[in-house]
Protein backbone atom coordinates (compact mmCIF):
# COMPACT_ATOMS: atom_id res chain seq x y z
CA MET A 1 -11.44 231.35 -5.01
CA ARG A 2 -12.45 234.93 -4.20
CA SER A 3 -9.85 237.44 -5.34
CA ASP A 4 -10.79 240.32 -3.01
CA LEU A 5 -9.18 238.92 0.12
CA ASP A 6 -7.56 240.64 3.06
CA ILE A 7 -4.69 238.38 4.15
CA CYS A 8 -2.57 238.88 7.26
CA ILE A 9 0.71 236.97 7.34
CA VAL A 10 2.07 236.35 10.83
CA THR A 11 5.72 235.34 10.57
CA ASP A 12 9.28 235.95 11.66
CA LYS A 13 11.00 238.88 9.95
CA TRP A 14 14.53 237.52 10.31
CA CYS A 15 15.97 234.05 9.76
CA ASP A 16 15.61 232.15 13.06
CA GLY A 17 14.40 235.43 14.59
CA ASN A 18 17.97 236.75 14.47
CA PRO A 19 18.53 240.13 12.75
CA ASN A 20 22.17 239.21 12.11
CA ALA A 21 21.10 236.18 10.05
CA GLY A 22 19.26 238.20 7.41
CA ILE A 23 15.66 238.40 6.29
CA SER A 24 13.54 235.27 6.78
CA ASN A 25 13.07 233.23 3.61
CA ASN A 26 9.36 233.38 4.32
CA TYR A 27 9.54 236.71 2.50
CA ASN A 28 10.17 234.88 -0.76
CA ASN A 29 8.45 231.56 -0.12
CA ILE A 30 5.25 233.09 1.23
CA ILE A 31 4.94 236.88 1.17
CA LEU A 32 6.37 237.66 -2.28
CA SER A 33 5.29 234.43 -3.96
CA LEU A 34 1.72 235.25 -2.89
CA SER A 35 1.72 238.99 -3.63
CA LYS A 36 3.29 238.58 -7.07
CA SER A 37 1.06 235.75 -8.23
CA ILE A 38 -2.46 236.51 -6.98
CA LYS A 39 -4.14 239.80 -7.91
CA ASN A 40 -6.67 241.84 -5.96
CA ILE A 41 -5.56 240.84 -2.49
CA ASP A 42 -4.47 243.07 0.36
CA ILE A 43 -1.59 241.74 2.46
CA SER A 44 -0.62 242.95 5.92
CA LEU A 45 2.32 241.66 7.92
CA LEU A 46 2.86 240.98 11.61
CA HIS A 47 6.42 240.08 12.66
CA TYR A 48 6.45 238.60 16.14
CA ASP A 49 10.27 238.70 16.44
CA GLU A 50 10.40 242.39 15.50
CA LEU A 51 7.60 243.18 17.96
CA ILE A 52 9.57 241.61 20.79
CA GLN A 53 13.00 242.99 19.92
CA LYS A 54 12.08 246.52 18.85
CA HIS A 55 8.89 247.23 20.76
CA SER A 56 8.96 244.78 23.71
CA LYS A 57 5.49 243.58 22.76
CA HIS A 58 4.31 240.01 22.40
CA ILE A 59 2.25 239.22 19.32
CA ASP A 60 -0.60 238.06 21.58
CA SER A 61 -1.22 241.67 22.68
CA ILE A 62 -1.89 242.75 19.09
CA LEU A 63 -3.23 239.78 17.17
CA PRO A 64 -6.83 239.67 18.54
CA ASN A 65 -7.32 243.29 17.43
CA VAL A 66 -6.31 242.62 13.81
CA SER A 67 -8.99 242.06 11.19
CA ALA A 68 -8.48 239.93 8.06
CA ASP A 69 -10.31 237.38 5.96
CA VAL A 70 -7.39 234.96 6.16
CA PHE A 71 -4.47 234.63 8.56
CA ILE A 72 -1.35 232.73 7.52
CA PHE A 73 0.74 231.66 10.52
CA CYS A 74 4.41 230.68 10.21
CA PHE A 75 5.81 229.49 13.52
CA LEU A 76 9.39 229.81 14.70
CA GLY A 77 9.87 226.33 16.13
CA ASN A 78 8.36 226.15 19.59
CA SER A 79 9.62 229.61 20.56
CA PRO A 80 7.70 231.48 23.28
CA ILE A 81 7.47 234.50 20.95
CA ASN A 82 5.11 232.56 18.66
CA PRO A 83 1.40 233.42 18.78
CA SER A 84 -0.21 231.40 21.54
CA PRO A 85 -3.14 229.02 20.98
CA ILE A 86 -5.32 231.44 22.98
CA ALA A 87 -4.43 234.28 20.59
CA LEU A 88 -5.34 232.08 17.62
CA GLU A 89 -8.65 231.23 19.23
CA ARG A 90 -9.46 234.94 19.61
CA THR A 91 -8.44 235.80 16.06
CA LYS A 92 -11.33 236.27 13.65
CA GLY A 93 -10.84 234.91 10.14
CA LYS A 94 -9.76 231.70 8.42
CA LYS A 95 -6.44 230.35 9.67
CA ILE A 96 -3.70 228.61 7.68
CA CYS A 97 -0.72 227.22 9.59
CA MET A 98 2.45 226.59 7.56
CA TRP A 99 5.16 224.16 8.69
CA PRO A 100 8.51 224.13 6.84
CA ASP A 101 10.01 221.03 8.51
CA THR A 102 7.66 218.46 10.00
CA VAL A 103 10.55 216.09 10.76
CA TRP A 104 11.40 217.72 14.08
CA PRO A 105 9.95 216.34 17.34
CA TRP A 106 8.78 219.79 18.48
CA ILE A 107 6.28 219.79 15.65
CA THR A 108 4.01 217.34 17.47
CA ASP A 109 3.25 219.60 20.41
CA THR A 110 3.14 222.81 18.39
CA VAL A 111 0.73 221.50 15.74
CA GLN A 112 -1.42 219.88 18.40
CA SER A 113 -1.63 223.07 20.45
CA VAL A 114 -3.11 225.12 17.60
CA ASN A 115 -4.93 222.39 15.69
CA GLN A 116 -8.46 223.07 16.91
CA PHE A 117 -8.19 226.69 15.77
CA ALA A 118 -6.61 226.00 12.37
CA ASP A 119 -8.62 225.55 9.19
CA VAL A 120 -5.71 224.16 7.16
CA HIS A 121 -2.17 222.97 7.88
CA VAL A 122 0.51 223.06 5.17
CA ALA A 123 3.72 220.98 5.16
CA PHE A 124 6.43 222.33 2.88
CA ASP A 125 8.32 219.05 3.22
CA GLY A 126 5.39 216.82 2.42
CA LEU A 127 4.98 215.22 5.86
CA PRO A 128 7.85 212.71 5.58
CA ASN A 129 7.18 211.24 9.02
CA ARG A 130 3.44 211.08 9.60
CA SER A 131 4.00 209.17 12.85
CA LEU A 132 5.05 212.47 14.47
CA ILE A 133 1.64 214.04 13.80
CA LYS A 134 -1.55 213.05 15.60
CA GLU A 135 -4.43 211.77 13.46
CA GLU A 136 -6.74 214.69 14.25
CA CYS A 137 -4.03 217.05 12.99
CA LEU A 138 -3.23 215.00 9.89
CA ALA A 139 -6.85 215.38 8.80
CA LYS A 140 -6.36 219.13 8.41
CA PHE A 141 -3.22 219.03 6.25
CA ALA A 142 -3.77 220.40 2.75
CA GLY A 143 -2.96 217.30 0.71
CA LYS A 144 -1.42 216.74 -2.72
CA GLY A 145 -0.63 219.81 -4.80
CA VAL A 146 -0.01 221.92 -1.70
CA ASN A 147 1.86 219.74 0.82
CA GLY A 148 5.42 219.15 -0.31
CA ILE A 149 5.55 222.27 -2.48
CA THR A 150 7.61 225.26 -1.38
CA PRO A 151 6.15 228.23 -3.27
CA GLN A 152 8.77 230.46 -4.89
CA ASN A 153 9.12 234.15 -5.66
CA PRO A 154 8.80 234.23 -9.49
CA GLU A 155 11.30 237.10 -9.63
CA LEU A 156 14.02 234.84 -8.18
CA PHE A 157 13.54 231.52 -9.95
CA TYR A 158 13.17 231.42 -13.74
CA PRO A 159 15.17 230.00 -16.68
CA GLU A 160 18.48 231.71 -17.42
CA GLU A 161 21.61 231.02 -19.46
CA LYS A 162 23.72 228.35 -17.77
CA ILE A 163 27.37 228.93 -16.84
CA TYR A 164 27.91 226.11 -14.31
CA ASP A 165 27.49 222.38 -14.84
CA LEU A 166 26.53 221.41 -11.28
CA CYS A 167 25.65 223.19 -8.06
CA PHE A 168 24.86 222.34 -4.46
CA LEU A 169 24.03 224.99 -1.87
CA GLY A 170 23.01 224.16 1.67
CA THR A 171 23.98 223.25 5.19
CA VAL A 172 26.33 220.28 5.59
CA HIS A 173 24.70 217.48 7.59
CA SER A 174 23.87 213.78 7.29
CA ASN A 175 25.54 212.39 4.15
CA ARG A 176 26.19 215.71 2.43
CA ALA A 177 29.90 215.95 3.30
CA LEU A 178 30.54 212.77 1.27
CA TYR A 179 28.89 214.27 -1.80
CA LEU A 180 30.66 217.60 -1.42
CA GLU A 181 34.03 215.86 -1.34
CA VAL A 182 33.21 214.11 -4.61
CA ILE A 183 32.07 217.36 -6.25
CA GLN A 184 35.05 219.35 -5.06
CA ASN A 185 37.44 216.70 -6.46
CA CYS A 186 35.67 216.56 -9.82
CA LYS A 187 37.81 217.83 -12.74
CA GLU A 188 35.38 217.06 -15.58
CA LEU A 189 32.62 219.48 -14.56
CA LYS A 190 32.40 223.14 -13.66
CA CYS A 191 30.89 222.94 -10.18
CA ILE A 192 29.87 225.43 -7.53
CA VAL A 193 29.14 224.44 -3.92
CA GLY A 194 28.60 226.33 -0.70
CA GLY A 195 26.32 227.10 2.18
CA GLY A 196 22.93 228.74 1.90
CA GLN A 197 21.60 231.56 4.03
CA ARG A 198 22.77 230.18 7.36
CA ALA A 199 26.09 228.54 6.55
CA GLY A 200 27.06 230.61 3.52
CA LYS A 201 25.46 233.95 4.42
CA LEU A 202 24.03 234.09 0.89
CA SER A 203 21.26 236.52 0.12
CA ALA A 204 18.14 235.12 -1.53
CA LYS A 205 19.16 236.80 -4.81
CA ASP A 206 22.67 235.33 -4.80
CA TYR A 207 21.39 231.87 -3.86
CA ALA A 208 18.77 231.90 -6.62
CA LYS A 209 21.27 233.13 -9.21
CA VAL A 210 23.45 230.08 -8.69
CA ILE A 211 20.47 227.73 -9.13
CA ARG A 212 19.32 229.57 -12.26
CA GLN A 213 22.76 229.56 -13.88
CA SER A 214 23.46 225.84 -13.29
CA ARG A 215 22.66 223.08 -15.76
CA MET A 216 22.13 220.64 -12.88
CA CYS A 217 21.35 221.01 -9.19
CA LEU A 218 22.05 218.26 -6.67
CA ASN A 219 19.40 217.73 -4.02
CA LEU A 220 19.87 215.37 -1.07
CA PRO A 221 16.56 214.62 0.66
CA LEU A 222 17.95 213.16 3.88
CA SER A 223 17.22 215.41 6.88
CA PRO A 224 19.29 215.69 10.09
CA THR A 225 16.62 213.58 11.79
CA GLY A 226 17.12 210.70 9.34
CA ASN A 227 13.89 211.27 7.38
CA ARG A 228 13.74 211.84 3.64
CA GLN A 229 11.83 214.99 2.89
CA LEU A 230 10.92 217.18 -0.05
CA LYS A 231 13.38 220.08 -0.10
CA GLY A 232 12.87 223.55 -1.52
CA ARG A 233 15.67 222.89 -4.04
CA VAL A 234 13.28 220.60 -5.93
CA ILE A 235 10.87 223.39 -6.90
CA GLU A 236 13.71 225.92 -7.21
CA SER A 237 15.40 223.71 -9.81
CA MET A 238 12.19 223.00 -11.69
CA ALA A 239 11.31 226.71 -11.88
CA SER A 240 14.82 227.55 -13.16
CA LYS A 241 14.77 224.88 -15.88
CA THR A 242 17.76 223.36 -14.09
CA CYS A 243 18.01 219.57 -14.19
CA LEU A 244 17.37 218.12 -10.74
CA ILE A 245 19.70 215.37 -9.51
CA GLU A 246 18.07 213.50 -6.65
CA GLU A 247 19.38 210.80 -4.35
CA ILE A 248 16.84 208.00 -4.19
CA PRO A 249 14.72 206.78 -2.55
CA SER A 250 13.08 210.17 -2.39
CA PRO A 251 9.59 211.65 -1.95
CA VAL A 252 10.24 213.63 -5.15
CA GLU A 253 8.62 210.64 -6.85
CA SER A 254 5.26 212.15 -5.83
CA ILE A 255 6.00 215.18 -8.03
CA LEU A 256 8.18 214.05 -10.94
CA GLU A 257 8.31 211.04 -13.24
CA GLN A 258 11.58 209.14 -13.74
CA ASP A 259 12.33 210.85 -17.05
CA GLN A 260 11.96 214.33 -15.50
CA TYR A 261 15.00 214.25 -13.20
CA MET A 262 18.30 212.39 -12.78
CA GLN A 263 18.40 209.65 -10.16
CA ILE A 264 21.44 208.55 -8.16
CA GLN A 265 21.77 206.13 -5.27
CA ASN A 266 25.02 207.27 -3.64
CA CYS A 267 27.88 209.71 -3.96
CA LYS A 268 30.15 207.21 -5.71
CA GLU A 269 27.99 207.14 -8.83
CA LEU A 270 27.24 210.89 -9.00
CA ILE A 271 29.86 211.98 -11.53
CA ASP A 272 29.66 208.82 -13.67
CA THR A 273 25.87 209.19 -13.90
CA ILE A 274 26.17 212.81 -15.02
CA LEU A 275 28.86 212.02 -17.59
CA SER A 276 26.76 209.16 -19.00
CA LYS A 277 24.10 211.69 -20.09
CA THR A 278 24.31 213.81 -23.22
CA ASP A 279 23.65 217.55 -23.09
CA GLY A 280 20.41 216.89 -24.95
CA GLU A 281 19.23 214.35 -22.37
CA ILE A 282 20.00 216.71 -19.51
CA CYS A 283 18.14 219.57 -21.20
CA GLU A 284 15.19 217.32 -21.97
CA MET A 285 14.80 216.31 -18.30
CA ALA A 286 14.98 219.96 -17.25
CA ASP A 287 12.44 220.97 -19.90
CA LYS A 288 9.98 218.29 -18.82
CA ALA A 289 10.29 219.24 -15.14
CA TYR A 290 9.82 222.90 -16.06
CA SER A 291 6.56 222.02 -17.81
CA VAL A 292 5.37 220.17 -14.71
CA TYR A 293 6.23 223.23 -12.63
CA ASN A 294 4.28 225.59 -14.89
CA ASN A 295 1.29 223.27 -15.12
CA TYR A 296 0.98 222.34 -11.45
CA TYR A 297 3.36 224.05 -9.03
CA SER A 298 3.85 227.67 -10.07
CA PRO A 299 3.10 230.26 -7.35
CA GLU A 300 -0.22 231.12 -8.98
CA LYS A 301 -1.28 227.46 -9.12
CA TYR A 302 -0.06 226.85 -5.58
CA TRP A 303 -1.85 229.77 -3.95
CA ASN A 304 -5.08 229.23 -5.85
CA ASN A 305 -5.03 225.57 -4.76
CA LEU A 306 -4.40 226.48 -1.14
CA LEU A 307 -6.83 229.36 -0.84
CA SER A 308 -9.56 227.35 -2.55
CA LEU A 309 -9.45 224.97 0.42
CA ILE A 310 -10.83 227.68 2.70
CA ASP A 311 -13.07 229.51 0.25
């Protein structure tokens, strides 16, 4: 991969395009994870939500005049403030399109509309429902080592002294309420639960601190659409040397071996499974997953793998 790249990242500035919801997590997952892990690149940013709200300009009026070696596009659902397919066609440079949740029906039309102009598609959730994506689009997805990995800001996720036994942070949907009830009623473990950025109004720093300071992190792969997808908590836990607890079946099996995380099948066995493990066994699983992260899924590995696809 060449290291002297000009990269323009086209993304939302605020979560869901709403200034009251805080800064978009794309700042950590994409902008900062890239800038802090790959040297000798120049990054410019275009925020289509800020252009509309502060300057009354659509991104299409600016994008064709921007020069870069590589453009990274992060779309806000099927919002009309997204760059249009025509704007992508007129944009000079390699084009990477990143999709955080491919489980939603809108993804079909949005991916299809920009597919002929994209060089590479990336699925953070590992394409859990390939039936939603047309074959000609599937052919452009990045593949193993890139799909299913949510890159992380290395200044947020790293090993730290543990003060909690178990954590879960995220929006309550699907089967999560059942698990939260079990955790909140648990007397044997020091637990911390709550919402993330949307439901809990947590900053990225506060969210990451909880993950880092927990011995174990519960991840539930079921999405609101009924698909099981790779969640960002998987890589967040691995990077923090925090033992991942995963409800199975789960696509995490494509990343970790059985001795590198704790498996559960339902909420009823969660606490008993944890208590059946010694501290040494829990630490060993976390250590092994941390090694996998460093060897294969660190931000530097991730971005080199992705950018090599268009070199």
